[in-house]
Protein backbone atom coordinates (compact mmCIF):
# COMPACT_ATOMS: atom_id res chain seq x y z
CA MET A 1 0.00 0.00 0.00
CA SER A 2 1.91 2.91 -1.27
CA GLY A 3 1.84 6.23 0.55
CA GLY A 4 2.46 9.75 -0.71
CA GLN A 5 3.11 10.85 -4.26
CA ALA A 6 6.35 12.18 -5.68
CA GLN A 7 5.15 15.77 -5.95
CA CYS A 8 5.05 16.09 -2.15
CA PHE A 9 8.85 16.13 -2.06
CA ALA A 10 11.47 15.14 -4.60
CA TRP A 11 15.24 14.95 -4.71
CA PRO A 12 16.89 14.08 -8.04
CA GLN A 13 15.96 10.48 -8.81
CA GLN A 14 19.51 9.13 -8.83
CA GLN A 15 20.62 10.94 -5.68
CA ARG A 16 22.60 8.74 -3.32
CA ALA A 17 23.03 9.04 0.43
CA SER A 18 26.57 10.38 0.00
CA GLU A 19 25.11 13.30 -1.98
CA MET A 20 22.59 14.32 0.67
CA PRO A 21 22.71 18.02 1.59
CA LYS A 22 24.63 18.65 4.81
CA THR A 23 22.85 20.56 7.54
CA GLU A 24 23.99 23.60 9.46
CA LEU A 25 24.98 21.18 12.20
CA GLY A 26 28.06 20.08 10.26
CA GLN A 27 29.44 17.10 8.42
CA GLU A 28 28.64 13.49 9.05
CA ILE A 29 30.71 11.86 11.78
CA ARG A 30 32.34 8.62 10.64
CA LEU A 31 31.46 5.45 12.51
CA THR A 32 34.20 4.00 14.71
CA LEU A 33 34.48 0.95 16.93
CA ASP A 34 33.14 3.05 19.79
CA SER A 35 30.23 4.62 17.90
CA ARG A 36 26.89 4.37 19.66
CA ILE A 37 23.75 3.81 17.60
CA VAL A 38 20.40 4.56 19.21
CA ILE A 39 17.14 3.29 17.73
CA ILE A 40 13.82 4.83 18.78
CA GLY A 41 11.08 2.26 18.30
CA ALA A 42 11.09 -1.50 18.91
CA GLY A 43 8.66 -2.66 16.26
CA ILE A 44 9.68 -4.81 13.33
CA ALA A 45 11.65 -2.00 11.62
CA GLY A 46 13.60 -1.08 14.75
CA VAL A 47 14.38 -4.65 15.77
CA LYS A 48 15.43 -5.72 12.27
CA CYS A 49 17.60 -2.62 11.98
CA ALA A 50 19.33 -3.40 15.27
CA LEU A 51 20.00 -7.01 14.33
CA GLY A 52 21.07 -5.95 10.84
CA LEU A 53 23.69 -3.58 12.23
CA ARG A 54 25.30 -6.47 14.06
CA GLN A 55 25.08 -8.75 11.03
CA HIS A 56 26.82 -6.10 8.92
CA GLY A 57 29.66 -5.79 11.39
CA HIS A 58 28.95 -2.94 13.79
CA VAL A 59 30.72 -3.69 17.07
CA GLY A 60 29.84 -0.54 19.00
CA ALA A 61 26.90 -0.01 21.34
CA ILE A 62 23.37 -0.46 20.01
CA ILE A 63 20.54 0.80 22.22
CA LEU A 64 16.92 0.00 21.36
CA LEU A 65 14.40 2.30 23.04
CA ASN A 66 10.98 0.70 23.46
CA GLU A 67 8.21 2.87 24.88
CA GLU A 68 6.06 -0.14 25.83
CA ALA A 69 6.58 -2.33 28.88
CA TYR A 70 6.40 -5.53 26.84
CA THR A 71 9.28 -7.25 25.08
CA PRO A 72 9.10 -6.32 21.35
CA TYR A 73 6.17 -8.09 19.71
CA ASP A 74 4.66 -8.59 16.28
CA ARG A 75 1.63 -6.43 15.42
CA PRO A 76 -0.21 -8.38 12.68
CA PRO A 77 -1.56 -11.00 15.14
CA LEU A 78 -3.25 -8.28 17.22
CA SER A 79 -6.28 -8.19 14.91
CA LYS A 80 -6.19 -11.96 14.39
CA ALA A 81 -4.99 -14.51 16.95
CA VAL A 82 -4.75 -12.14 19.93
CA LEU A 83 -8.25 -10.79 19.37
CA THR A 84 -9.74 -14.29 19.11
CA GLY A 85 -7.87 -15.48 22.20
CA ASP A 86 -5.65 -17.92 20.29
CA ALA A 87 -2.44 -16.08 21.24
CA ASP A 88 -1.06 -13.84 23.95
CA GLY A 89 1.96 -11.59 24.31
CA ASP A 90 4.53 -14.37 24.65
CA ALA A 91 3.30 -16.09 21.48
CA ILE A 92 3.78 -13.01 19.31
CA ALA A 93 7.29 -12.04 20.39
CA LEU A 94 9.37 -10.53 17.58
CA VAL A 95 12.57 -12.24 18.64
CA ALA A 96 13.41 -15.43 20.48
CA SER A 97 14.17 -15.17 24.17
CA GLY A 98 17.74 -13.99 24.63
CA GLU A 99 18.34 -13.11 20.96
CA LEU A 100 18.87 -9.42 21.60
CA ASN A 101 21.17 -10.16 24.56
CA GLU A 102 23.20 -12.58 22.47
CA ALA A 103 23.62 -9.86 19.84
CA GLN A 104 24.65 -7.43 22.61
CA ILE A 105 21.76 -5.11 21.82
CA GLU A 106 20.63 -3.17 24.87
CA LEU A 107 16.83 -3.09 25.09
CA ARG A 108 15.31 -0.41 27.31
CA ASN A 109 11.60 -0.98 27.86
CA GLY A 110 9.28 1.78 29.03
CA ALA A 111 11.51 4.38 27.36
CA ARG A 112 9.20 6.95 25.79
CA CYS A 113 11.32 9.52 23.99
CA VAL A 114 10.38 13.15 24.54
CA GLY A 115 13.07 15.06 22.67
CA ILE A 116 16.14 15.05 20.41
CA ASP A 117 18.99 17.55 20.66
CA ARG A 118 20.68 17.47 17.25
CA VAL A 119 23.51 19.81 18.28
CA ALA A 120 24.49 17.77 21.35
CA ARG A 121 23.44 14.53 19.60
CA THR A 122 21.35 13.33 22.53
CA VAL A 123 17.97 11.71 23.06
CA SER A 124 15.85 12.30 26.16
CA TYR A 125 13.33 9.90 27.66
CA GLY A 126 11.83 10.05 31.14
CA GLU A 127 14.56 11.63 33.25
CA GLU A 128 17.35 10.06 31.17
CA THR A 129 19.48 11.53 28.39
CA ILE A 130 21.81 9.46 26.22
CA GLY A 131 24.16 10.42 23.41
CA TYR A 132 24.30 8.98 19.91
CA ASP A 133 26.60 8.92 16.89
CA ARG A 134 23.81 7.62 14.69
CA LEU A 135 20.10 7.88 15.49
CA ILE A 136 17.39 5.82 13.80
CA LEU A 137 13.73 6.83 14.04
CA ALA A 138 11.59 3.70 13.73
CA THR A 139 8.53 5.12 15.45
CA GLY A 140 5.96 3.60 13.09
CA SER A 141 2.47 5.02 12.83
CA VAL A 142 -0.58 5.84 14.91
CA PRO A 143 -4.28 5.25 14.14
CA ARG A 144 -6.11 8.03 12.38
CA GLU A 145 -8.76 9.35 14.78
CA LEU A 146 -12.44 9.78 13.97
CA PRO A 147 -13.85 13.08 15.33
CA GLY A 148 -16.53 12.41 17.92
CA LEU A 149 -15.26 8.88 18.56
CA GLU A 150 -11.74 9.61 19.75
CA PRO A 151 -9.56 7.26 21.84
CA GLY A 152 -10.44 7.26 25.52
CA LYS A 153 -14.17 7.63 25.06
CA PRO A 154 -16.30 4.87 26.63
CA ALA A 155 -16.77 1.76 24.47
CA VAL A 156 -14.53 3.16 21.69
CA HIS A 157 -11.55 1.09 20.61
CA TYR A 158 -8.55 1.66 18.36
CA LEU A 159 -6.24 -1.25 17.59
CA ARG A 160 -2.50 -0.61 17.46
CA THR A 161 -0.86 -2.03 20.60
CA LEU A 162 -1.03 -5.25 22.59
CA ASP A 163 -2.84 -3.41 25.38
CA ASP A 164 -5.40 -2.20 22.81
CA ALA A 165 -6.02 -5.77 21.66
CA LEU A 166 -6.30 -7.17 25.18
CA ARG A 167 -8.80 -4.48 26.21
CA LEU A 168 -10.87 -5.07 23.10
CA ARG A 169 -10.82 -8.85 23.62
CA ARG A 170 -12.06 -8.38 27.18
CA ASP A 171 -14.87 -6.02 26.19
CA LEU A 172 -16.01 -8.24 23.31
CA GLN A 173 -17.00 -10.92 25.79
CA VAL A 174 -20.10 -8.95 26.82
CA ALA A 175 -20.82 -6.97 23.64
CA GLN A 176 -24.00 -7.87 21.77
CA CYS A 177 -23.52 -5.41 18.92
CA VAL A 178 -20.17 -4.28 17.51
CA VAL A 179 -19.83 -1.45 15.00
CA ILE A 180 -16.61 -1.30 13.00
CA VAL A 181 -15.82 1.93 11.18
CA GLY A 182 -13.52 1.19 8.26
CA ALA A 183 -13.53 -1.70 5.79
CA GLY A 184 -9.78 -1.84 5.31
CA VAL A 185 -7.51 -4.69 6.36
CA ILE A 186 -7.70 -4.00 10.11
CA GLY A 187 -11.46 -3.41 10.08
CA LEU A 188 -12.19 -6.61 8.14
CA GLU A 189 -9.84 -8.73 10.23
CA ALA A 190 -11.56 -7.41 13.35
CA ALA A 191 -14.95 -8.19 11.78
CA ALA A 192 -13.86 -11.75 11.03
CA ALA A 193 -12.63 -12.17 14.61
CA CYS A 194 -15.92 -10.81 16.02
CA ALA A 195 -18.27 -12.73 13.70
CA ASP A 196 -18.55 -15.93 15.72
CA GLY A 197 -22.34 -15.91 15.99
CA ALA A 198 -22.31 -14.46 19.50
CA ARG A 199 -23.02 -10.87 18.49
CA ARG A 200 -24.20 -8.56 15.74
CA VAL A 201 -21.32 -7.15 13.66
CA VAL A 202 -21.75 -4.06 11.48
CA VAL A 203 -19.04 -2.62 9.18
CA ILE A 204 -19.34 0.96 7.86
CA ASP A 205 -17.22 2.54 5.14
CA PRO A 206 -17.76 5.45 2.70
CA ALA A 207 -16.08 3.45 -0.09
CA ARG A 208 -18.19 1.46 -2.54
CA ARG A 209 -16.30 -1.76 -1.92
CA VAL A 210 -14.24 -3.24 0.92
CA MET A 211 -10.48 -2.68 1.00
CA GLU A 212 -10.84 -0.29 -1.92
CA ARG A 213 -7.33 1.17 -1.53
CA ALA A 214 -5.61 -2.19 -1.05
CA ALA A 215 -7.48 -4.78 -3.11
CA SER A 216 -8.63 -5.36 -6.68
CA PRO A 217 -12.37 -5.46 -7.41
CA PRO A 218 -12.41 -9.29 -7.69
CA LEU A 219 -10.80 -9.66 -4.26
CA SER A 220 -13.19 -7.10 -2.76
CA ALA A 221 -16.16 -9.03 -4.14
CA LEU A 222 -14.87 -12.28 -2.68
CA LEU A 223 -14.31 -10.73 0.75
CA GLU A 224 -17.74 -9.13 0.76
CA SER A 225 -19.41 -12.46 0.03
CA ARG A 226 -17.45 -14.21 2.80
CA HIS A 227 -18.31 -11.56 5.39
CA ILE A 228 -21.98 -11.51 4.44
CA ALA A 229 -22.07 -15.32 4.66
CA ALA A 230 -20.64 -15.03 8.20
CA GLY A 231 -23.47 -12.69 9.18
CA VAL A 232 -21.57 -9.39 8.99
CA GLU A 233 -23.68 -6.41 7.91
CA LEU A 234 -21.86 -4.24 5.37
CA HIS A 235 -22.88 -0.61 4.97
CA LEU A 236 -20.70 0.53 2.08
CA GLY A 237 -21.02 4.01 0.65
CA SER A 238 -22.21 5.14 4.10
CA THR A 239 -20.87 7.35 6.85
CA ILE A 240 -21.78 8.07 10.45
CA SER A 241 -24.01 11.14 10.51
CA GLU A 242 -24.39 11.12 14.30
CA ALA A 243 -23.00 9.19 17.26
CA VAL A 244 -24.54 9.86 20.68
CA PRO A 245 -23.58 8.16 23.96
CA GLU A 246 -26.41 5.95 25.18
CA GLY A 247 -26.02 4.01 28.40
CA GLU A 248 -22.65 2.25 28.20
CA GLY A 249 -22.67 2.28 24.39
CA TRP A 250 -23.55 4.47 21.43
CA ALA A 251 -26.62 5.33 19.39
CA ILE A 252 -25.33 5.60 15.84
CA SER A 253 -27.13 7.06 12.84
CA LEU A 254 -25.82 6.37 9.33
CA SER A 255 -26.12 8.50 6.23
CA ASP A 256 -28.20 5.74 4.62
CA GLY A 257 -30.82 6.10 7.38
CA THR A 258 -29.82 3.03 9.42
CA GLN A 259 -30.04 3.35 13.21
CA ILE A 260 -27.76 1.15 15.36
CA ARG A 261 -27.40 0.71 19.11
CA ALA A 262 -23.76 -0.32 19.53
CA ASP A 263 -22.26 -1.77 22.71
CA LEU A 264 -18.77 -1.30 21.31
CA VAL A 265 -17.22 0.68 18.43
CA ILE A 266 -13.95 -0.20 16.70
CA ILE A 267 -12.27 2.50 14.60
CA GLY A 268 -10.01 1.35 11.76
CA ILE A 269 -9.77 4.21 9.25
CA GLY A 270 -6.07 4.14 8.50
CA VAL A 271 -2.88 5.36 10.13
CA LEU A 272 -0.62 8.43 10.16
CA PRO A 273 3.18 8.48 10.36
CA ARG A 274 4.41 9.06 13.87
CA SER A 275 6.77 11.88 13.00
CA GLU A 276 6.31 14.38 15.84
CA LEU A 277 9.87 13.92 17.18
CA ALA A 278 11.25 14.70 13.72
CA VAL A 279 9.02 17.77 13.41
CA GLU A 280 10.04 19.08 16.83
CA THR A 281 13.75 18.70 16.09
CA GLY A 282 13.53 20.40 12.70
CA LEU A 283 14.05 17.54 10.27
CA ALA A 284 12.48 17.65 6.80
CA VAL A 285 8.98 16.18 7.22
CA GLU A 286 5.99 15.93 4.88
CA PRO A 287 2.42 14.89 5.78
CA THR A 288 3.43 11.54 4.30
CA GLY A 289 6.28 11.02 6.78
CA ILE A 290 9.91 11.85 7.55
CA VAL A 291 11.65 12.65 4.27
CA VAL A 292 14.60 10.32 3.61
CA ASP A 293 16.76 9.38 0.66
CA GLY A 294 17.06 5.91 -0.84
CA ASN A 295 19.10 4.77 2.15
CA GLY A 296 16.90 6.12 4.91
CA ARG A 297 19.00 9.18 5.66
CA THR A 298 17.11 12.30 6.80
CA SER A 299 18.06 15.94 6.27
CA ASP A 300 20.45 15.49 9.22
CA PRO A 301 23.33 13.21 8.11
CA SER A 302 23.50 11.53 11.54
CA ILE A 303 19.80 10.63 11.68
CA PHE A 304 17.98 7.94 9.72
CA ALA A 305 14.34 6.84 9.59
CA ALA A 306 13.08 3.33 8.89
CA GLY A 307 9.75 1.64 8.28
CA GLU A 308 6.28 3.15 8.20
CA VAL A 309 7.37 6.57 9.45
CA ALA A 310 9.71 7.15 6.49
CA PHE A 311 8.72 8.86 3.25
CA GLY A 312 11.63 7.52 1.23
CA PHE A 313 12.99 7.38 -2.27
CA ASN A 314 12.23 4.04 -3.93
CA GLY A 315 14.60 3.21 -6.77
CA ARG A 316 12.16 0.78 -8.36
CA LEU A 317 9.39 3.39 -8.54
CA GLY A 318 11.69 6.32 -9.31
CA ARG A 319 9.97 8.49 -6.71
CA HIS A 320 9.38 8.90 -3.00
CA ASP A 321 6.67 6.84 -1.35
CA ARG A 322 5.59 5.56 2.04
CA GLN A 323 4.38 2.01 2.62
CA GLU A 324 2.30 0.86 5.57
CA THR A 325 2.98 -2.86 5.58
CA TRP A 326 4.80 -5.28 7.84
CA ALA A 327 6.93 -6.58 4.95
CA HIS A 328 8.09 -3.07 4.09
CA ALA A 329 8.97 -2.28 7.71
CA LEU A 330 11.07 -5.45 7.90
CA ASN A 331 12.83 -4.90 4.57
CA HIS A 332 13.40 -1.18 5.07
CA GLY A 333 14.78 -1.71 8.57
CA GLU A 334 17.31 -4.17 7.21
CA HIS A 335 18.15 -1.85 4.29
CA VAL A 336 18.81 1.12 6.58
CA ALA A 337 21.14 -1.01 8.72
CA ALA A 338 23.12 -2.00 5.63
CA ALA A 339 23.26 1.63 4.46
CA ILE A 340 24.64 2.84 7.79
CA MET A 341 27.34 0.20 7.48
CA GLY A 342 28.37 1.38 4.01
CA GLN A 343 26.09 -0.22 1.43
CA ARG A 344 24.63 2.53 -0.77
CA ASP A 345 22.01 1.01 -3.07
CA ASN A 346 18.68 2.82 -3.22
CA TYR A 347 15.85 0.97 -1.53
CA ALA A 348 13.69 -0.77 -4.15
CA GLY A 349 11.11 -2.65 -2.09
CA VAL A 350 7.89 -3.95 -3.62
CA SER A 351 4.68 -3.31 -1.72
CA ALA A 352 3.37 -6.52 -0.15
CA TYR A 353 0.90 -7.54 2.55
CA TRP A 354 -1.15 -10.46 3.72
CA THR A 355 -4.44 -10.90 5.53
CA ASP A 356 -6.22 -13.94 6.96
CA GLN A 357 -10.02 -13.75 7.08
CA TYR A 358 -12.14 -16.84 7.78
CA ASP A 359 -10.80 -19.60 5.50
CA LEU A 360 -9.05 -17.15 3.16
CA ALA A 361 -5.28 -16.74 3.29
CA ILE A 362 -4.64 -13.72 1.08
CA GLN A 363 -1.31 -12.32 -0.07
CA VAL A 364 -0.80 -9.32 -2.32
CA PHE A 365 2.54 -8.54 -3.98
CA GLY A 366 2.96 -5.34 -5.96
CA GLU A 367 0.25 -2.97 -7.18
CA CYS A 368 -3.31 -4.22 -7.46
CA THR A 369 -5.54 -1.19 -8.02
CA GLY A 370 -6.29 0.61 -11.26
CA THR A 371 -5.20 -2.43 -13.24
CA ARG A 372 -6.59 -5.01 -15.66
CA ASP A 373 -7.17 -8.20 -13.68
CA ILE A 374 -6.74 -11.74 -14.98
CA GLN A 375 -7.67 -14.66 -12.72
CA ARG A 376 -5.83 -17.96 -12.91
CA GLY A 377 -7.72 -20.80 -11.23
CA ASP A 378 -11.06 -20.76 -9.48
CA GLY A 379 -12.85 -22.07 -6.42
CA ASP A 380 -11.08 -21.36 -3.12
CA SER A 381 -7.52 -21.33 -4.49
CA PHE A 382 -6.41 -18.99 -7.28
CA LEU A 383 -4.17 -16.12 -8.41
CA ILE A 384 -5.14 -12.75 -9.83
CA TYR A 385 -2.58 -11.08 -12.09
CA HIS A 386 -2.80 -7.27 -12.18
CA LEU A 387 -1.65 -5.75 -15.46
CA ARG A 388 -0.91 -2.23 -16.58
CA ASP A 389 0.12 -1.68 -20.23
CA ASP A 390 0.73 -5.44 -20.63
CA LYS A 391 3.19 -5.42 -17.74
CA VAL A 392 2.45 -7.33 -14.55
CA ALA A 393 2.11 -4.67 -11.85
CA GLY A 394 1.24 -7.12 -9.09
CA VAL A 395 -0.33 -10.42 -8.15
CA THR A 396 -2.89 -11.52 -5.55
CA SER A 397 -2.91 -15.01 -4.09
CA VAL A 398 -5.96 -16.56 -2.43
CA ASN A 399 -5.05 -19.82 -0.67
CA ALA A 400 -2.28 -20.30 -3.25
CA ALA A 401 0.96 -19.41 -1.47
CA ARG A 402 3.00 -22.00 -3.37
CA ASP A 403 1.89 -20.61 -6.75
CA LEU A 404 2.59 -17.06 -5.59
CA ARG A 405 6.29 -17.77 -5.13
CA ARG A 406 6.58 -18.39 -8.88
CA ALA A 407 4.11 -15.67 -9.86
CA LYS A 408 6.20 -12.99 -8.11
CA LYS A 409 8.83 -13.42 -10.82
CA LEU A 410 6.43 -11.87 -13.34
CA VAL A 411 6.01 -8.57 -11.48
CA GLY A 412 7.53 -5.78 -13.56
CA GLU A 413 7.74 -7.97 -16.67
CA ARG A 414 5.98 -7.42 -20.00
CA ILE A 415 3.73 -10.31 -21.06
CA ALA A 416 3.46 -11.44 -24.70
CA ASP A 417 -0.18 -12.56 -24.53
CA PRO A 418 -1.73 -11.58 -21.16
CA ALA A 419 -4.91 -13.59 -21.79
CA LEU A 420 -2.84 -16.79 -21.56
CA LEU A 421 -2.11 -16.05 -17.90
CA ALA A 422 -5.56 -17.47 -17.18
CA GLU A 423 -4.70 -20.83 -18.77
CA PRO A 424 -3.62 -23.37 -16.14
CA ARG A 425 -1.73 -25.46 -18.75
CA VAL A 426 0.48 -22.51 -19.75
CA ASP A 427 3.63 -21.78 -17.76
CA PRO A 428 3.32 -18.05 -16.95
CA ILE A 429 7.11 -17.65 -16.98
CA SER A 430 7.10 -18.61 -20.67
CA LEU A 431 4.97 -15.56 -21.44
CA ILE A 432 7.59 -13.03 -20.33
CA VAL A 433 8.86 -10.89 -23.21
CA PRO A 434 12.69 -11.03 -23.11
CA ALA A 435 14.33 -7.68 -22.43
CA LEU A 436 16.18 -7.72 -25.77
CA ILE A 437 12.97 -8.15 -27.73
CA GLU A 438 11.19 -5.50 -25.66
CA ALA A 439 14.01 -3.03 -26.37
CA GLU A 440 13.59 -3.50 -30.11
């Protein structure tokens, strides 16, 4: 799921990290054996960056600042296994017990950063201040708030942290009617987790189809049919016109005239980059995130940003973008670690995500909206190729993970006869137009 467009901010397309403009704070300080690297944020981007620094040979101190009290954990299960009660905090740990200690990475839990001093090169959290030679902002994103149903109001839930998921799981036990605002990935995963026959589940979204920004029309249609079959009520093309507290819940009026008495409301209307530290310290920031080059370097040569918070140059796309997926956070975290240690190739990650809803294991690789769609296979296991100008822009897999591994090789390639992608007896690889022929 790509973020902002190139016109928001653009450096020359081939600009490398070594060509970044230097700030008034001086030249970049070279890494030494004693250099200390501080990472703010212990999600997948921060953890992978820390481990990557060790793997690429950094022997100095690495400090990972984690604002939560829990050991770093994986977020995708929050709207799946944690919400259904099939997993808890220990089961979703990001790293094996002792892995960070073995890599001599110092994890500081409960360390909520409150400020960065770029002149002194220090970070403050609580009553502590520590210095850095390199600083990495891996602060991720925060849920977009819905006016009138903000966090902290009774019976209103947002889902981003383990504590959020545990509170929601507890409150679901007594809820008879759940309203979910947002038919994106998080909203639909929450709907699938709630739709166990024990309660009424209503999903509201102004879009005309579910997951409109992240799924092709065929996938949206499939998901809608599965949710309806599970008893979920879909109100697409609708918005909340009024929400009034009533007892311990909410009386909700929709723009289509529907009236709902909700015991619990879940808001899942997207996320925003968590860039306030960068703004406060004067780094280049756009609404789409902290501006970085193809190696994650910010406008300050000693500070990098990784993962969902970064609005970075993507060499494959030839422009800046921001991606909001787990796979991107992992890959970008590793890329930034390699860049800090001297590798200077522009990041060229492909957008990718997965979602599990009911009996559907869905994976999307590449772009899947605004394309011509060709389905290969049918029933409950198939691929959808997404084409733009006879090139494969992306591919969607539904219960076909093994086939997807091969199908990924077609992304970015021109296809001789796209209609043949639907033929199960035709090897899709054989349809790729060789680069020499394409050049002619």
